[in-house]
Amino acid sequence: MEEKAEQKGMEQASAQERDMFYNPHDITGVKGMLEAQSKELDRKKLELKIENELYIRAHPELKTMISLFLKKVLDEQPKNVLQFAGSFFDRPSLKDVVTEAMQAQQ
């Protein structure tokens, strides 16, 4: 009896492993992702969020620059926002404007 229970436990464990690494869907685009793939994707998303957060914290000028841009867009409400953004970010004085705004915040 013990032997049957042990064998049943092993079968359940191997079924769980199979379910974890087996995708019953074919490659034709049917929705389905392996549990292992899903966990890896979640891990990579978290890793990317952390890297992005560290980068943004290391570059406070980004927050200032984006805030200035959004304020300018909302104040002027241009019809062509994409063209307006190109002009805003491409101007030679952008560095000076951002530096000045950062100093004013302190």
PDB file of N, CA and C in Angstrom:
ATOM      1  N   MET A   1       0.792  -1.177   0.000  1.00  0.00           N
ATOM      2  CA  MET A   1       0.000   0.000   0.000  1.00  0.00           C
ATOM      3  C   MET A   1       0.848   1.261   0.000  1.00  0.00           C
ATOM      4  N   GLU A   2       1.899   1.234   0.827  1.00  0.00           N
ATOM      5  CA  GLU A   2       2.801   2.377   0.880  1.00  0.00           C
ATOM      6  C   GLU A   2       3.422   2.633  -0.477  1.00  0.00           C
ATOM      7  N   GLU A   3       3.745   1.552  -1.148  1.00  0.00           N
ATOM      8  CA  GLU A   3       4.379   1.645  -2.467  1.00  0.00           C
ATOM      9  C   GLU A   3       3.445   2.338  -3.459  1.00  0.00           C
ATOM     10  N   LYS A   4       2.155   2.016  -3.415  1.00  0.00           N
ATOM     11  CA  LYS A   4       1.183   2.646  -4.315  1.00  0.00           C
ATOM     12  C   LYS A   4       1.041   4.124  -4.005  1.00  0.00           C
ATOM     13  N   ALA A   5       1.010   4.480  -2.735  1.00  0.00           N
ATOM     14  CA  ALA A   5       0.886   5.883  -2.346  1.00  0.00           C
ATOM     15  C   ALA A   5       2.110   6.664  -2.805  1.00  0.00           C
ATOM     16  N   GLU A   6       3.292   6.067  -2.642  1.00  0.00           N
ATOM     17  CA  GLU A   6       4.531   6.717  -3.068  1.00  0.00           C
ATOM     18  C   GLU A   6       4.539   6.911  -4.583  1.00  0.00           C
ATOM     19  N   GLN A   7       4.098   5.883  -5.313  1.00  0.00           N
ATOM     20  CA  GLN A   7       4.052   5.963  -6.767  1.00  0.00           C
ATOM     21  C   GLN A   7       3.058   7.037  -7.215  1.00  0.00           C
ATOM     22  N   LYS A   8       1.914   7.124  -6.534  1.00  0.00           N
ATOM     23  CA  LYS A   8       0.901   8.131  -6.865  1.00  0.00           C
ATOM     24  C   LYS A   8       1.469   9.531  -6.616  1.00  0.00           C
ATOM     25  N   GLY A   9       2.197   9.699  -5.528  1.00  0.00           N
ATOM     26  CA  GLY A   9       2.830  10.987  -5.221  1.00  0.00           C
ATOM     27  C   GLY A   9       3.839  11.386  -6.287  1.00  0.00           C
ATOM     28  N   MET A  10       4.622  10.426  -6.765  1.00  0.00           N
ATOM     29  CA  MET A  10       5.603  10.691  -7.823  1.00  0.00           C
ATOM     30  C   MET A  10       4.903  11.058  -9.128  1.00  0.00           C
ATOM     31  N   GLU A  11       3.785  10.373  -9.418  1.00  0.00           N
ATOM     32  CA  GLU A  11       3.026  10.681 -10.628  1.00  0.00           C
ATOM     33  C   GLU A  11       2.467  12.100 -10.568  1.00  0.00           C
ATOM     34  N   GLN A  12       1.994  12.508  -9.398  1.00  0.00           N
ATOM     35  CA  GLN A  12       1.469  13.866  -9.242  1.00  0.00           C
ATOM     36  C   GLN A  12       2.581  14.889  -9.420  1.00  0.00           C
ATOM     37  N   ALA A  13       3.743  14.617  -8.848  1.00  0.00           N
ATOM     38  CA  ALA A  13       4.877  15.529  -8.974  1.00  0.00           C
ATOM     39  C   ALA A  13       5.299  15.659 -10.433  1.00  0.00           C
ATOM     40  N   SER A  14       5.366  14.531 -11.151  1.00  0.00           N
ATOM     41  CA  SER A  14       5.774  14.602 -12.550  1.00  0.00           C
ATOM     42  C   SER A  14       4.701  15.286 -13.395  1.00  0.00           C
ATOM     43  N   ALA A  15       3.426  15.125 -13.039  1.00  0.00           N
ATOM     44  CA  ALA A  15       2.344  15.818 -13.752  1.00  0.00           C
ATOM     45  C   ALA A  15       2.447  17.319 -13.519  1.00  0.00           C
ATOM     46  N   GLN A  16       2.790  17.713 -12.301  1.00  0.00           N
ATOM     47  CA  GLN A  16       2.956  19.136 -11.996  1.00  0.00           C
ATOM     48  C   GLN A  16       4.133  19.718 -12.782  1.00  0.00           C
ATOM     49  N   GLU A  17       5.231  18.979 -12.842  1.00  0.00           N
ATOM     50  CA  GLU A  17       6.391  19.427 -13.621  1.00  0.00           C
ATOM     51  C   GLU A  17       6.026  19.548 -15.093  1.00  0.00           C
ATOM     52  N   ARG A  18       5.295  18.559 -15.607  1.00  0.00           N
ATOM     53  CA  ARG A  18       4.886  18.589 -17.014  1.00  0.00           C
ATOM     54  C   ARG A  18       4.015  19.818 -17.288  1.00  0.00           C
ATOM     55  N   ASP A  19       3.066  20.077 -16.388  1.00  0.00           N
ATOM     56  CA  ASP A  19       2.194  21.237 -16.565  1.00  0.00           C
ATOM     57  C   ASP A  19       2.979  22.541 -16.527  1.00  0.00           C
ATOM     58  N   MET A  20       4.028  22.545 -15.752  1.00  0.00           N
ATOM     59  CA  MET A  20       4.834  23.753 -15.626  1.00  0.00           C
ATOM     60  C   MET A  20       5.629  24.035 -16.904  1.00  0.00           C
ATOM     61  N   PHE A  21       6.093  23.000 -17.572  1.00  0.00           N
ATOM     62  CA  PHE A  21       6.962  23.174 -18.731  1.00  0.00           C
ATOM     63  C   PHE A  21       6.326  22.732 -20.048  1.00  0.00           C
ATOM     64  N   TYR A  22       5.054  22.394 -20.031  1.00  0.00           N
ATOM     65  CA  TYR A  22       4.403  21.905 -21.233  1.00  0.00           C
ATOM     66  C   TYR A  22       3.319  22.880 -21.660  1.00  0.00           C
ATOM     67  N   ASN A  23       3.372  23.293 -22.899  1.00  0.00           N
ATOM     68  CA  ASN A  23       2.355  24.174 -23.450  1.00  0.00           C
ATOM     69  C   ASN A  23       1.529  23.355 -24.442  1.00  0.00           C
ATOM     70  N   PRO A  24       0.259  23.110 -24.137  1.00  0.00           N
ATOM     71  CA  PRO A  24      -0.551  22.262 -25.007  1.00  0.00           C
ATOM     72  C   PRO A  24      -0.914  22.933 -26.332  1.00  0.00           C
ATOM     73  N   HIS A  25      -0.616  24.207 -26.469  1.00  0.00           N
ATOM     74  CA  HIS A  25      -0.961  24.930 -27.689  1.00  0.00           C
ATOM     75  C   HIS A  25       0.182  24.843 -28.683  1.00  0.00           C
ATOM     76  N   ASP A  26      -0.168  24.850 -29.950  1.00  0.00           N
ATOM     77  CA  ASP A  26       0.889  24.784 -30.950  1.00  0.00           C
ATOM     78  C   ASP A  26       1.425  26.184 -31.245  1.00  0.00           C
ATOM     79  N   ILE A  27       2.300  26.290 -32.209  1.00  0.00           N
ATOM     80  CA  ILE A  27       2.991  27.536 -32.519  1.00  0.00           C
ATOM     81  C   ILE A  27       2.166  28.451 -33.422  1.00  0.00           C
ATOM     82  N   THR A  28       0.968  28.095 -33.750  1.00  0.00           N
ATOM     83  CA  THR A  28       0.180  28.856 -34.715  1.00  0.00           C
ATOM     84  C   THR A  28      -0.457  30.110 -34.139  1.00  0.00           C
ATOM     85  N   GLY A  29      -0.124  30.499 -32.936  1.00  0.00           N
ATOM     86  CA  GLY A  29      -0.640  31.728 -32.368  1.00  0.00           C
ATOM     87  C   GLY A  29      -1.780  31.550 -31.391  1.00  0.00           C
ATOM     88  N   VAL A  30      -2.056  30.330 -31.002  1.00  0.00           N
ATOM     89  CA  VAL A  30      -3.089  30.097 -30.003  1.00  0.00           C
ATOM     90  C   VAL A  30      -2.557  30.627 -28.680  1.00  0.00           C
ATOM     91  N   LYS A  31      -3.431  31.343 -27.963  1.00  0.00           N
ATOM     92  CA  LYS A  31      -2.991  31.909 -26.691  1.00  0.00           C
ATOM     93  C   LYS A  31      -2.515  30.814 -25.754  1.00  0.00           C
ATOM     94  N   GLY A  32      -1.465  31.076 -25.057  1.00  0.00           N
ATOM     95  CA  GLY A  32      -0.956  30.118 -24.090  1.00  0.00           C
ATOM     96  C   GLY A  32       0.505  30.395 -23.811  1.00  0.00           C
ATOM     97  N   MET A  33       0.870  30.398 -22.561  1.00  0.00           N
ATOM     98  CA  MET A  33       2.250  30.629 -22.177  1.00  0.00           C
ATOM     99  C   MET A  33       2.571  29.670 -21.046  1.00  0.00           C
ATOM    100  N   LEU A  34       3.727  29.097 -21.126  1.00  0.00           N
ATOM    101  CA  LEU A  34       4.162  28.207 -20.058  1.00  0.00           C
ATOM    102  C   LEU A  34       4.261  28.966 -18.751  1.00  0.00           C
ATOM    103  N   GLU A  35       3.999  28.285 -17.661  1.00  0.00           N
ATOM    104  CA  GLU A  35       4.131  28.921 -16.352  1.00  0.00           C
ATOM    105  C   GLU A  35       5.562  29.414 -16.145  1.00  0.00           C
ATOM    106  N   ALA A  36       6.530  28.633 -16.584  1.00  0.00           N
ATOM    107  CA  ALA A  36       7.938  29.030 -16.447  1.00  0.00           C
ATOM    108  C   ALA A  36       8.221  30.284 -17.279  1.00  0.00           C
ATOM    109  N   GLN A  37       7.635  30.370 -18.482  1.00  0.00           N
ATOM    110  CA  GLN A  37       7.821  31.555 -19.327  1.00  0.00           C
ATOM    111  C   GLN A  37       7.179  32.769 -18.682  1.00  0.00           C
ATOM    112  N   SER A  38       6.015  32.584 -18.116  1.00  0.00           N
ATOM    113  CA  SER A  38       5.304  33.679 -17.469  1.00  0.00           C
ATOM    114  C   SER A  38       6.098  34.213 -16.277  1.00  0.00           C
ATOM    115  N   LYS A  39       6.648  33.313 -15.484  1.00  0.00           N
ATOM    116  CA  LYS A  39       7.454  33.729 -14.334  1.00  0.00           C
ATOM    117  C   LYS A  39       8.711  34.466 -14.788  1.00  0.00           C
ATOM    118  N   GLU A  40       9.344  33.979 -15.836  1.00  0.00           N
ATOM    119  CA  GLU A  40      10.545  34.628 -16.364  1.00  0.00           C
ATOM    120  C   GLU A  40      10.209  36.019 -16.906  1.00  0.00           C
ATOM    121  N   LEU A  41       9.084  36.135 -17.586  1.00  0.00           N
ATOM    122  CA  LEU A  41       8.645  37.429 -18.105  1.00  0.00           C
ATOM    123  C   LEU A  41       8.379  38.405 -16.964  1.00  0.00           C
ATOM    124  N   ASP A  42       7.712  37.962 -15.928  1.00  0.00           N
ATOM    125  CA  ASP A  42       7.454  38.812 -14.760  1.00  0.00           C
ATOM    126  C   ASP A  42       8.760  39.260 -14.113  1.00  0.00           C
ATOM    127  N   ARG A  43       9.727  38.333 -14.024  1.00  0.00           N
ATOM    128  CA  ARG A  43      11.017  38.666 -13.429  1.00  0.00           C
ATOM    129  C   ARG A  43      11.727  39.732 -14.258  1.00  0.00           C
ATOM    130  N   LYS A  44      11.696  39.578 -15.587  1.00  0.00           N
ATOM    131  CA  LYS A  44      12.354  40.542 -16.470  1.00  0.00           C
ATOM    132  C   LYS A  44      11.668  41.906 -16.425  1.00  0.00           C
ATOM    133  N   LYS A  45      10.338  41.918 -16.320  1.00  0.00           N
ATOM    134  CA  LYS A  45       9.606  43.184 -16.203  1.00  0.00           C
ATOM    135  C   LYS A  45      10.023  43.927 -14.939  1.00  0.00           C
ATOM    136  N   LEU A  46      10.097  43.194 -13.826  1.00  0.00           N
ATOM    137  CA  LEU A  46      10.497  43.797 -12.562  1.00  0.00           C
ATOM    138  C   LEU A  46      11.930  44.325 -12.652  1.00  0.00           C
ATOM    139  N   GLU A  47      12.801  43.546 -13.249  1.00  0.00           N
ATOM    140  CA  GLU A  47      14.200  43.950 -13.422  1.00  0.00           C
ATOM    141  C   GLU A  47      14.290  45.244 -14.246  1.00  0.00           C
ATOM    142  N   LEU A  48      13.509  45.335 -15.309  1.00  0.00           N
ATOM    143  CA  LEU A  48      13.501  46.527 -16.156  1.00  0.00           C
ATOM    144  C   LEU A  48      12.962  47.736 -15.406  1.00  0.00           C
ATOM    145  N   LYS A  49      11.899  47.541 -14.617  1.00  0.00           N
ATOM    146  CA  LYS A  49      11.347  48.648 -13.822  1.00  0.00           C
ATOM    147  C   LYS A  49      12.394  49.186 -12.851  1.00  0.00           C
ATOM    148  N   ILE A  50      13.123  48.288 -12.219  1.00  0.00           N
ATOM    149  CA  ILE A  50      14.157  48.700 -11.262  1.00  0.00           C
ATOM    150  C   ILE A  50      15.258  49.467 -11.975  1.00  0.00           C
ATOM    151  N   GLU A  51      15.712  48.957 -13.119  1.00  0.00           N
ATOM    152  CA  GLU A  51      16.755  49.646 -13.888  1.00  0.00           C
ATOM    153  C   GLU A  51      16.289  51.034 -14.312  1.00  0.00           C
ATOM    154  N   ASN A  52      15.053  51.144 -14.781  1.00  0.00           N
ATOM    155  CA  ASN A  52      14.514  52.439 -15.201  1.00  0.00           C
ATOM    156  C   ASN A  52      14.421  53.408 -14.031  1.00  0.00           C
ATOM    157  N   GLU A  53      13.953  52.917 -12.887  1.00  0.00           N
ATOM    158  CA  GLU A  53      13.836  53.763 -11.703  1.00  0.00           C
ATOM    159  C   GLU A  53      15.208  54.275 -11.259  1.00  0.00           C
ATOM    160  N   LEU A  54      16.198  53.406 -11.273  1.00  0.00           N
ATOM    161  CA  LEU A  54      17.553  53.821 -10.897  1.00  0.00           C
ATOM    162  C   LEU A  54      18.094  54.869 -11.867  1.00  0.00           C
ATOM    163  N   TYR A  55      17.826  54.698 -13.145  1.00  0.00           N
ATOM    164  CA  TYR A  55      18.284  55.662 -14.153  1.00  0.00           C
ATOM    165  C   TYR A  55      17.612  57.024 -13.946  1.00  0.00           C
ATOM    166  N   ILE A  56      16.303  57.009 -13.722  1.00  0.00           N
ATOM    167  CA  ILE A  56      15.573  58.266 -13.523  1.00  0.00           C
ATOM    168  C   ILE A  56      16.055  58.976 -12.264  1.00  0.00           C
ATOM    169  N   ARG A  57      16.307  58.220 -11.216  1.00  0.00           N
ATOM    170  CA  ARG A  57      16.818  58.835  -9.975  1.00  0.00           C
ATOM    171  C   ARG A  57      18.215  59.418 -10.166  1.00  0.00           C
ATOM    172  N   ALA A  58      18.999  58.805 -11.027  1.00  0.00           N
ATOM    173  CA  ALA A  58      20.362  59.290 -11.287  1.00  0.00           C
ATOM    174  C   ALA A  58      20.361  60.518 -12.202  1.00  0.00           C
ATOM    175  N   HIS A  59      19.232  60.775 -12.866  1.00  0.00           N
ATOM    176  CA  HIS A  59      19.137  61.900 -13.812  1.00  0.00           C
ATOM    177  C   HIS A  59      17.902  62.745 -13.508  1.00  0.00           C
ATOM    178  N   PRO A  60      17.973  63.572 -12.450  1.00  0.00           N
ATOM    179  CA  PRO A  60      16.809  64.390 -12.071  1.00  0.00           C
ATOM    180  C   PRO A  60      16.419  65.404 -13.151  1.00  0.00           C
ATOM    181  N   GLU A  61      17.330  65.688 -14.061  1.00  0.00           N
ATOM    182  CA  GLU A  61      17.014  66.631 -15.139  1.00  0.00           C
ATOM    183  C   GLU A  61      15.905  66.097 -16.044  1.00  0.00           C
ATOM    184  N   LEU A  62      15.742  64.777 -16.097  1.00  0.00           N
ATOM    185  CA  LEU A  62      14.662  64.189 -16.901  1.00  0.00           C
ATOM    186  C   LEU A  62      13.297  64.637 -16.399  1.00  0.00           C
ATOM    187  N   LYS A  63      13.100  64.543 -15.105  1.00  0.00           N
ATOM    188  CA  LYS A  63      11.813  64.930 -14.518  1.00  0.00           C
ATOM    189  C   LYS A  63      11.544  66.414 -14.761  1.00  0.00           C
ATOM    190  N   THR A  64      12.560  67.233 -14.595  1.00  0.00           N
ATOM    191  CA  THR A  64      12.411  68.670 -14.826  1.00  0.00           C
ATOM    192  C   THR A  64      12.091  68.948 -16.286  1.00  0.00           C
ATOM    193  N   MET A  65      12.814  68.303 -17.194  1.00  0.00           N
ATOM    194  CA  MET A  65      12.613  68.519 -18.626  1.00  0.00           C
ATOM    195  C   MET A  65      11.205  68.100 -19.055  1.00  0.00           C
ATOM    196  N   ILE A  66      10.735  66.970 -18.574  1.00  0.00           N
ATOM    197  CA  ILE A  66       9.400  66.496 -18.933  1.00  0.00           C
ATOM    198  C   ILE A  66       8.332  67.408 -18.329  1.00  0.00           C
ATOM    199  N   SER A  67       8.551  67.858 -17.106  1.00  0.00           N
ATOM    200  CA  SER A  67       7.604  68.784 -16.478  1.00  0.00           C
ATOM    201  C   SER A  67       7.513  70.085 -17.257  1.00  0.00           C
ATOM    202  N   LEU A  68       8.672  70.607 -17.667  1.00  0.00           N
ATOM    203  CA  LEU A  68       8.674  71.837 -18.472  1.00  0.00           C
ATOM    204  C   LEU A  68       7.925  71.638 -19.784  1.00  0.00           C
ATOM    205  N   PHE A  69       8.168  70.502 -20.421  1.00  0.00           N
ATOM    206  CA  PHE A  69       7.510  70.211 -21.694  1.00  0.00           C
ATOM    207  C   PHE A  69       5.986  70.125 -21.514  1.00  0.00           C
ATOM    208  N   LEU A  70       5.535  69.374 -20.527  1.00  0.00           N
ATOM    209  CA  LEU A  70       4.100  69.230 -20.307  1.00  0.00           C
ATOM    210  C   LEU A  70       3.438  70.562 -19.968  1.00  0.00           C
ATOM    211  N   LYS A  71       4.102  71.378 -19.152  1.00  0.00           N
ATOM    212  CA  LYS A  71       3.560  72.697 -18.810  1.00  0.00           C
ATOM    213  C   LYS A  71       3.415  73.545 -20.069  1.00  0.00           C
ATOM    214  N   LYS A  72       4.439  73.519 -20.904  1.00  0.00           N
ATOM    215  CA  LYS A  72       4.421  74.301 -22.148  1.00  0.00           C
ATOM    216  C   LYS A  72       3.310  73.811 -23.086  1.00  0.00           C
ATOM    217  N   VAL A  73       3.146  72.503 -23.197  1.00  0.00           N
ATOM    218  CA  VAL A  73       2.092  71.939 -24.053  1.00  0.00           C
ATOM    219  C   VAL A  73       0.715  72.361 -23.536  1.00  0.00           C
ATOM    220  N   LEU A  74       0.508  72.251 -22.228  1.00  0.00           N
ATOM    221  CA  LEU A  74      -0.795  72.604 -21.672  1.00  0.00           C
ATOM    222  C   LEU A  74      -1.070  74.106 -21.751  1.00  0.00           C
ATOM    223  N   ASP A  75      -0.031  74.908 -21.604  1.00  0.00           N
ATOM    224  CA  ASP A  75      -0.199  76.371 -21.728  1.00  0.00           C
ATOM    225  C   ASP A  75      -0.525  76.778 -23.159  1.00  0.00           C
ATOM    226  N   GLU A  76       0.199  76.218 -24.111  1.00  0.00           N
ATOM    227  CA  GLU A  76       0.063  76.641 -25.510  1.00  0.00           C
ATOM    228  C   GLU A  76      -0.941  75.800 -26.307  1.00  0.00           C
ATOM    229  N   GLN A  77      -1.200  74.584 -25.880  1.00  0.00           N
ATOM    230  CA  GLN A  77      -2.118  73.660 -26.546  1.00  0.00           C
ATOM    231  C   GLN A  77      -1.957  73.673 -28.073  1.00  0.00           C
ATOM    232  N   PRO A  78      -0.787  73.277 -28.553  1.00  0.00           N
ATOM    233  CA  PRO A  78      -0.540  73.298 -29.998  1.00  0.00           C
ATOM    234  C   PRO A  78      -1.411  72.278 -30.732  1.00  0.00           C
ATOM    235  N   LYS A  79      -1.720  72.572 -31.979  1.00  0.00           N
ATOM    236  CA  LYS A  79      -2.523  71.651 -32.793  1.00  0.00           C
ATOM    237  C   LYS A  79      -1.702  70.428 -33.180  1.00  0.00           C
ATOM    238  N   ASN A  80      -0.424  70.625 -33.436  1.00  0.00           N
ATOM    239  CA  ASN A  80       0.454  69.519 -33.815  1.00  0.00           C
ATOM    240  C   ASN A  80       1.458  69.290 -32.682  1.00  0.00           C
ATOM    241  N   VAL A  81       1.102  68.428 -31.744  1.00  0.00           N
ATOM    242  CA  VAL A  81       1.933  68.187 -30.561  1.00  0.00           C
ATOM    243  C   VAL A  81       3.270  67.557 -30.938  1.00  0.00           C
ATOM    244  N   LEU A  82       3.277  66.689 -31.930  1.00  0.00           N
ATOM    245  CA  LEU A  82       4.513  66.029 -32.342  1.00  0.00           C
ATOM    246  C   LEU A  82       5.521  67.047 -32.879  1.00  0.00           C
ATOM    247  N   GLN A  83       5.063  67.940 -33.710  1.00  0.00           N
ATOM    248  CA  GLN A  83       5.941  68.988 -34.248  1.00  0.00           C
ATOM    249  C   GLN A  83       6.408  69.913 -33.117  1.00  0.00           C
ATOM    250  N   PHE A  84       5.495  70.234 -32.216  1.00  0.00           N
ATOM    251  CA  PHE A  84       5.821  71.085 -31.069  1.00  0.00           C
ATOM    252  C   PHE A  84       6.900  70.413 -30.206  1.00  0.00           C
ATOM    253  N   ALA A  85       6.748  69.103 -29.985  1.00  0.00           N
ATOM    254  CA  ALA A  85       7.728  68.356 -29.185  1.00  0.00           C
ATOM    255  C   ALA A  85       9.094  68.380 -29.863  1.00  0.00           C
ATOM    256  N   GLY A  86       9.101  68.202 -31.183  1.00  0.00           N
ATOM    257  CA  GLY A  86      10.370  68.254 -31.915  1.00  0.00           C
ATOM    258  C   GLY A  86      11.062  69.591 -31.729  1.00  0.00           C
ATOM    259  N   SER A  87      10.302  70.658 -31.827  1.00  0.00           N
ATOM    260  CA  SER A  87      10.875  72.002 -31.651  1.00  0.00           C
ATOM    261  C   SER A  87      11.352  72.212 -30.218  1.00  0.00           C
ATOM    262  N   PHE A  88      10.557  71.739 -29.260  1.00  0.00           N
ATOM    263  CA  PHE A  88      10.910  71.923 -27.851  1.00  0.00           C
ATOM    264  C   PHE A  88      12.206  71.206 -27.503  1.00  0.00           C
ATOM    265  N   PHE A  89      12.307  69.942 -27.883  1.00  0.00           N
ATOM    266  CA  PHE A  89      13.470  69.144 -27.491  1.00  0.00           C
ATOM    267  C   PHE A  89      14.686  69.357 -28.380  1.00  0.00           C
ATOM    268  N   ASP A  90      14.507  69.956 -29.528  1.00  0.00           N
ATOM    269  CA  ASP A  90      15.609  70.146 -30.470  1.00  0.00           C
ATOM    270  C   ASP A  90      16.265  71.523 -30.366  1.00  0.00           C
ATOM    271  N   ARG A  91      15.736  72.387 -29.543  1.00  0.00           N
ATOM    272  CA  ARG A  91      16.272  73.751 -29.466  1.00  0.00           C
ATOM    273  C   ARG A  91      17.616  73.773 -28.732  1.00  0.00           C
ATOM    274  N   PRO A  92      18.517  74.610 -29.191  1.00  0.00           N
ATOM    275  CA  PRO A  92      19.863  74.685 -28.595  1.00  0.00           C
ATOM    276  C   PRO A  92      19.864  75.131 -27.129  1.00  0.00           C
ATOM    277  N   SER A  93      18.880  75.898 -26.716  1.00  0.00           N
ATOM    278  CA  SER A  93      18.861  76.444 -25.355  1.00  0.00           C
ATOM    279  C   SER A  93      18.231  75.491 -24.329  1.00  0.00           C
ATOM    280  N   LEU A  94      17.848  74.293 -24.723  1.00  0.00           N
ATOM    281  CA  LEU A  94      17.148  73.379 -23.819  1.00  0.00           C
ATOM    282  C   LEU A  94      17.960  73.100 -22.552  1.00  0.00           C
ATOM    283  N   LYS A  95      19.248  72.875 -22.705  1.00  0.00           N
ATOM    284  CA  LYS A  95      20.089  72.581 -21.538  1.00  0.00           C
ATOM    285  C   LYS A  95      20.049  73.740 -20.548  1.00  0.00           C
ATOM    286  N   ASP A  96      20.152  74.960 -21.045  1.00  0.00           N
ATOM    287  CA  ASP A  96      20.136  76.134 -20.171  1.00  0.00           C
ATOM    288  C   ASP A  96      18.777  76.299 -19.480  1.00  0.00           C
ATOM    289  N   VAL A  97      17.710  76.067 -20.220  1.00  0.00           N
ATOM    290  CA  VAL A  97      16.359  76.198 -19.670  1.00  0.00           C
ATOM    291  C   VAL A  97      16.148  75.172 -18.551  1.00  0.00           C
ATOM    292  N   VAL A  98      16.565  73.932 -18.775  1.00  0.00           N
ATOM    293  CA  VAL A  98      16.400  72.874 -17.778  1.00  0.00           C
ATOM    294  C   VAL A  98      17.273  73.167 -16.549  1.00  0.00           C
ATOM    295  N   THR A  99      18.506  73.574 -16.772  1.00  0.00           N
ATOM    296  CA  THR A  99      19.406  73.896 -15.660  1.00  0.00           C
ATOM    297  C   THR A  99      18.831  75.030 -14.814  1.00  0.00           C
ATOM    298  N   GLU A 100      18.319  76.050 -15.463  1.00  0.00           N
ATOM    299  CA  GLU A 100      17.729  77.182 -14.773  1.00  0.00           C
ATOM    300  C   GLU A 100      16.505  76.745 -13.948  1.00  0.00           C
ATOM    301  N   ALA A 101      15.672  75.911 -14.514  1.00  0.00           N
ATOM    302  CA  ALA A 101      14.492  75.422 -13.809  1.00  0.00           C
ATOM    303  C   ALA A 101      14.877  74.579 -12.600  1.00  0.00           C
ATOM    304  N   MET A 102      15.930  73.765 -12.746  1.00  0.00           N
ATOM    305  CA  MET A 102      16.388  72.929 -11.635  1.00  0.00           C
ATOM    306  C   MET A 102      16.922  73.802 -10.491  1.00  0.00           C
ATOM    307  N   GLN A 103      17.633  74.850 -10.849  1.00  0.00           N
ATOM    308  CA  GLN A 103      18.162  75.764  -9.824  1.00  0.00           C
ATOM    309  C   GLN A 103      17.033  76.500  -9.120  1.00  0.00           C
ATOM    310  N   ALA A 104      15.987  76.840  -9.855  1.00  0.00           N
ATOM    311  CA  ALA A 104      14.846  77.530  -9.268  1.00  0.00           C
ATOM    312  C   ALA A 104      14.092  76.628  -8.300  1.00  0.00           C
ATOM    313  N   GLN A 105      14.126  75.328  -8.522  1.00  0.00           N
ATOM    314  CA  GLN A 105      13.437  74.372  -7.652  1.00  0.00           C
ATOM    315  C   GLN A 105      14.141  74.220  -6.306  1.00  0.00           C
ATOM    316  N   GLN A 106      15.417  74.500  -6.266  1.00  0.00           N
ATOM    317  CA  GLN A 106      16.187  74.296  -5.025  1.00  0.00           C
ATOM    318  C   GLN A 106      16.040  75.409  -4.078  1.00  0.00           C
TER     319      GLN A 106
END
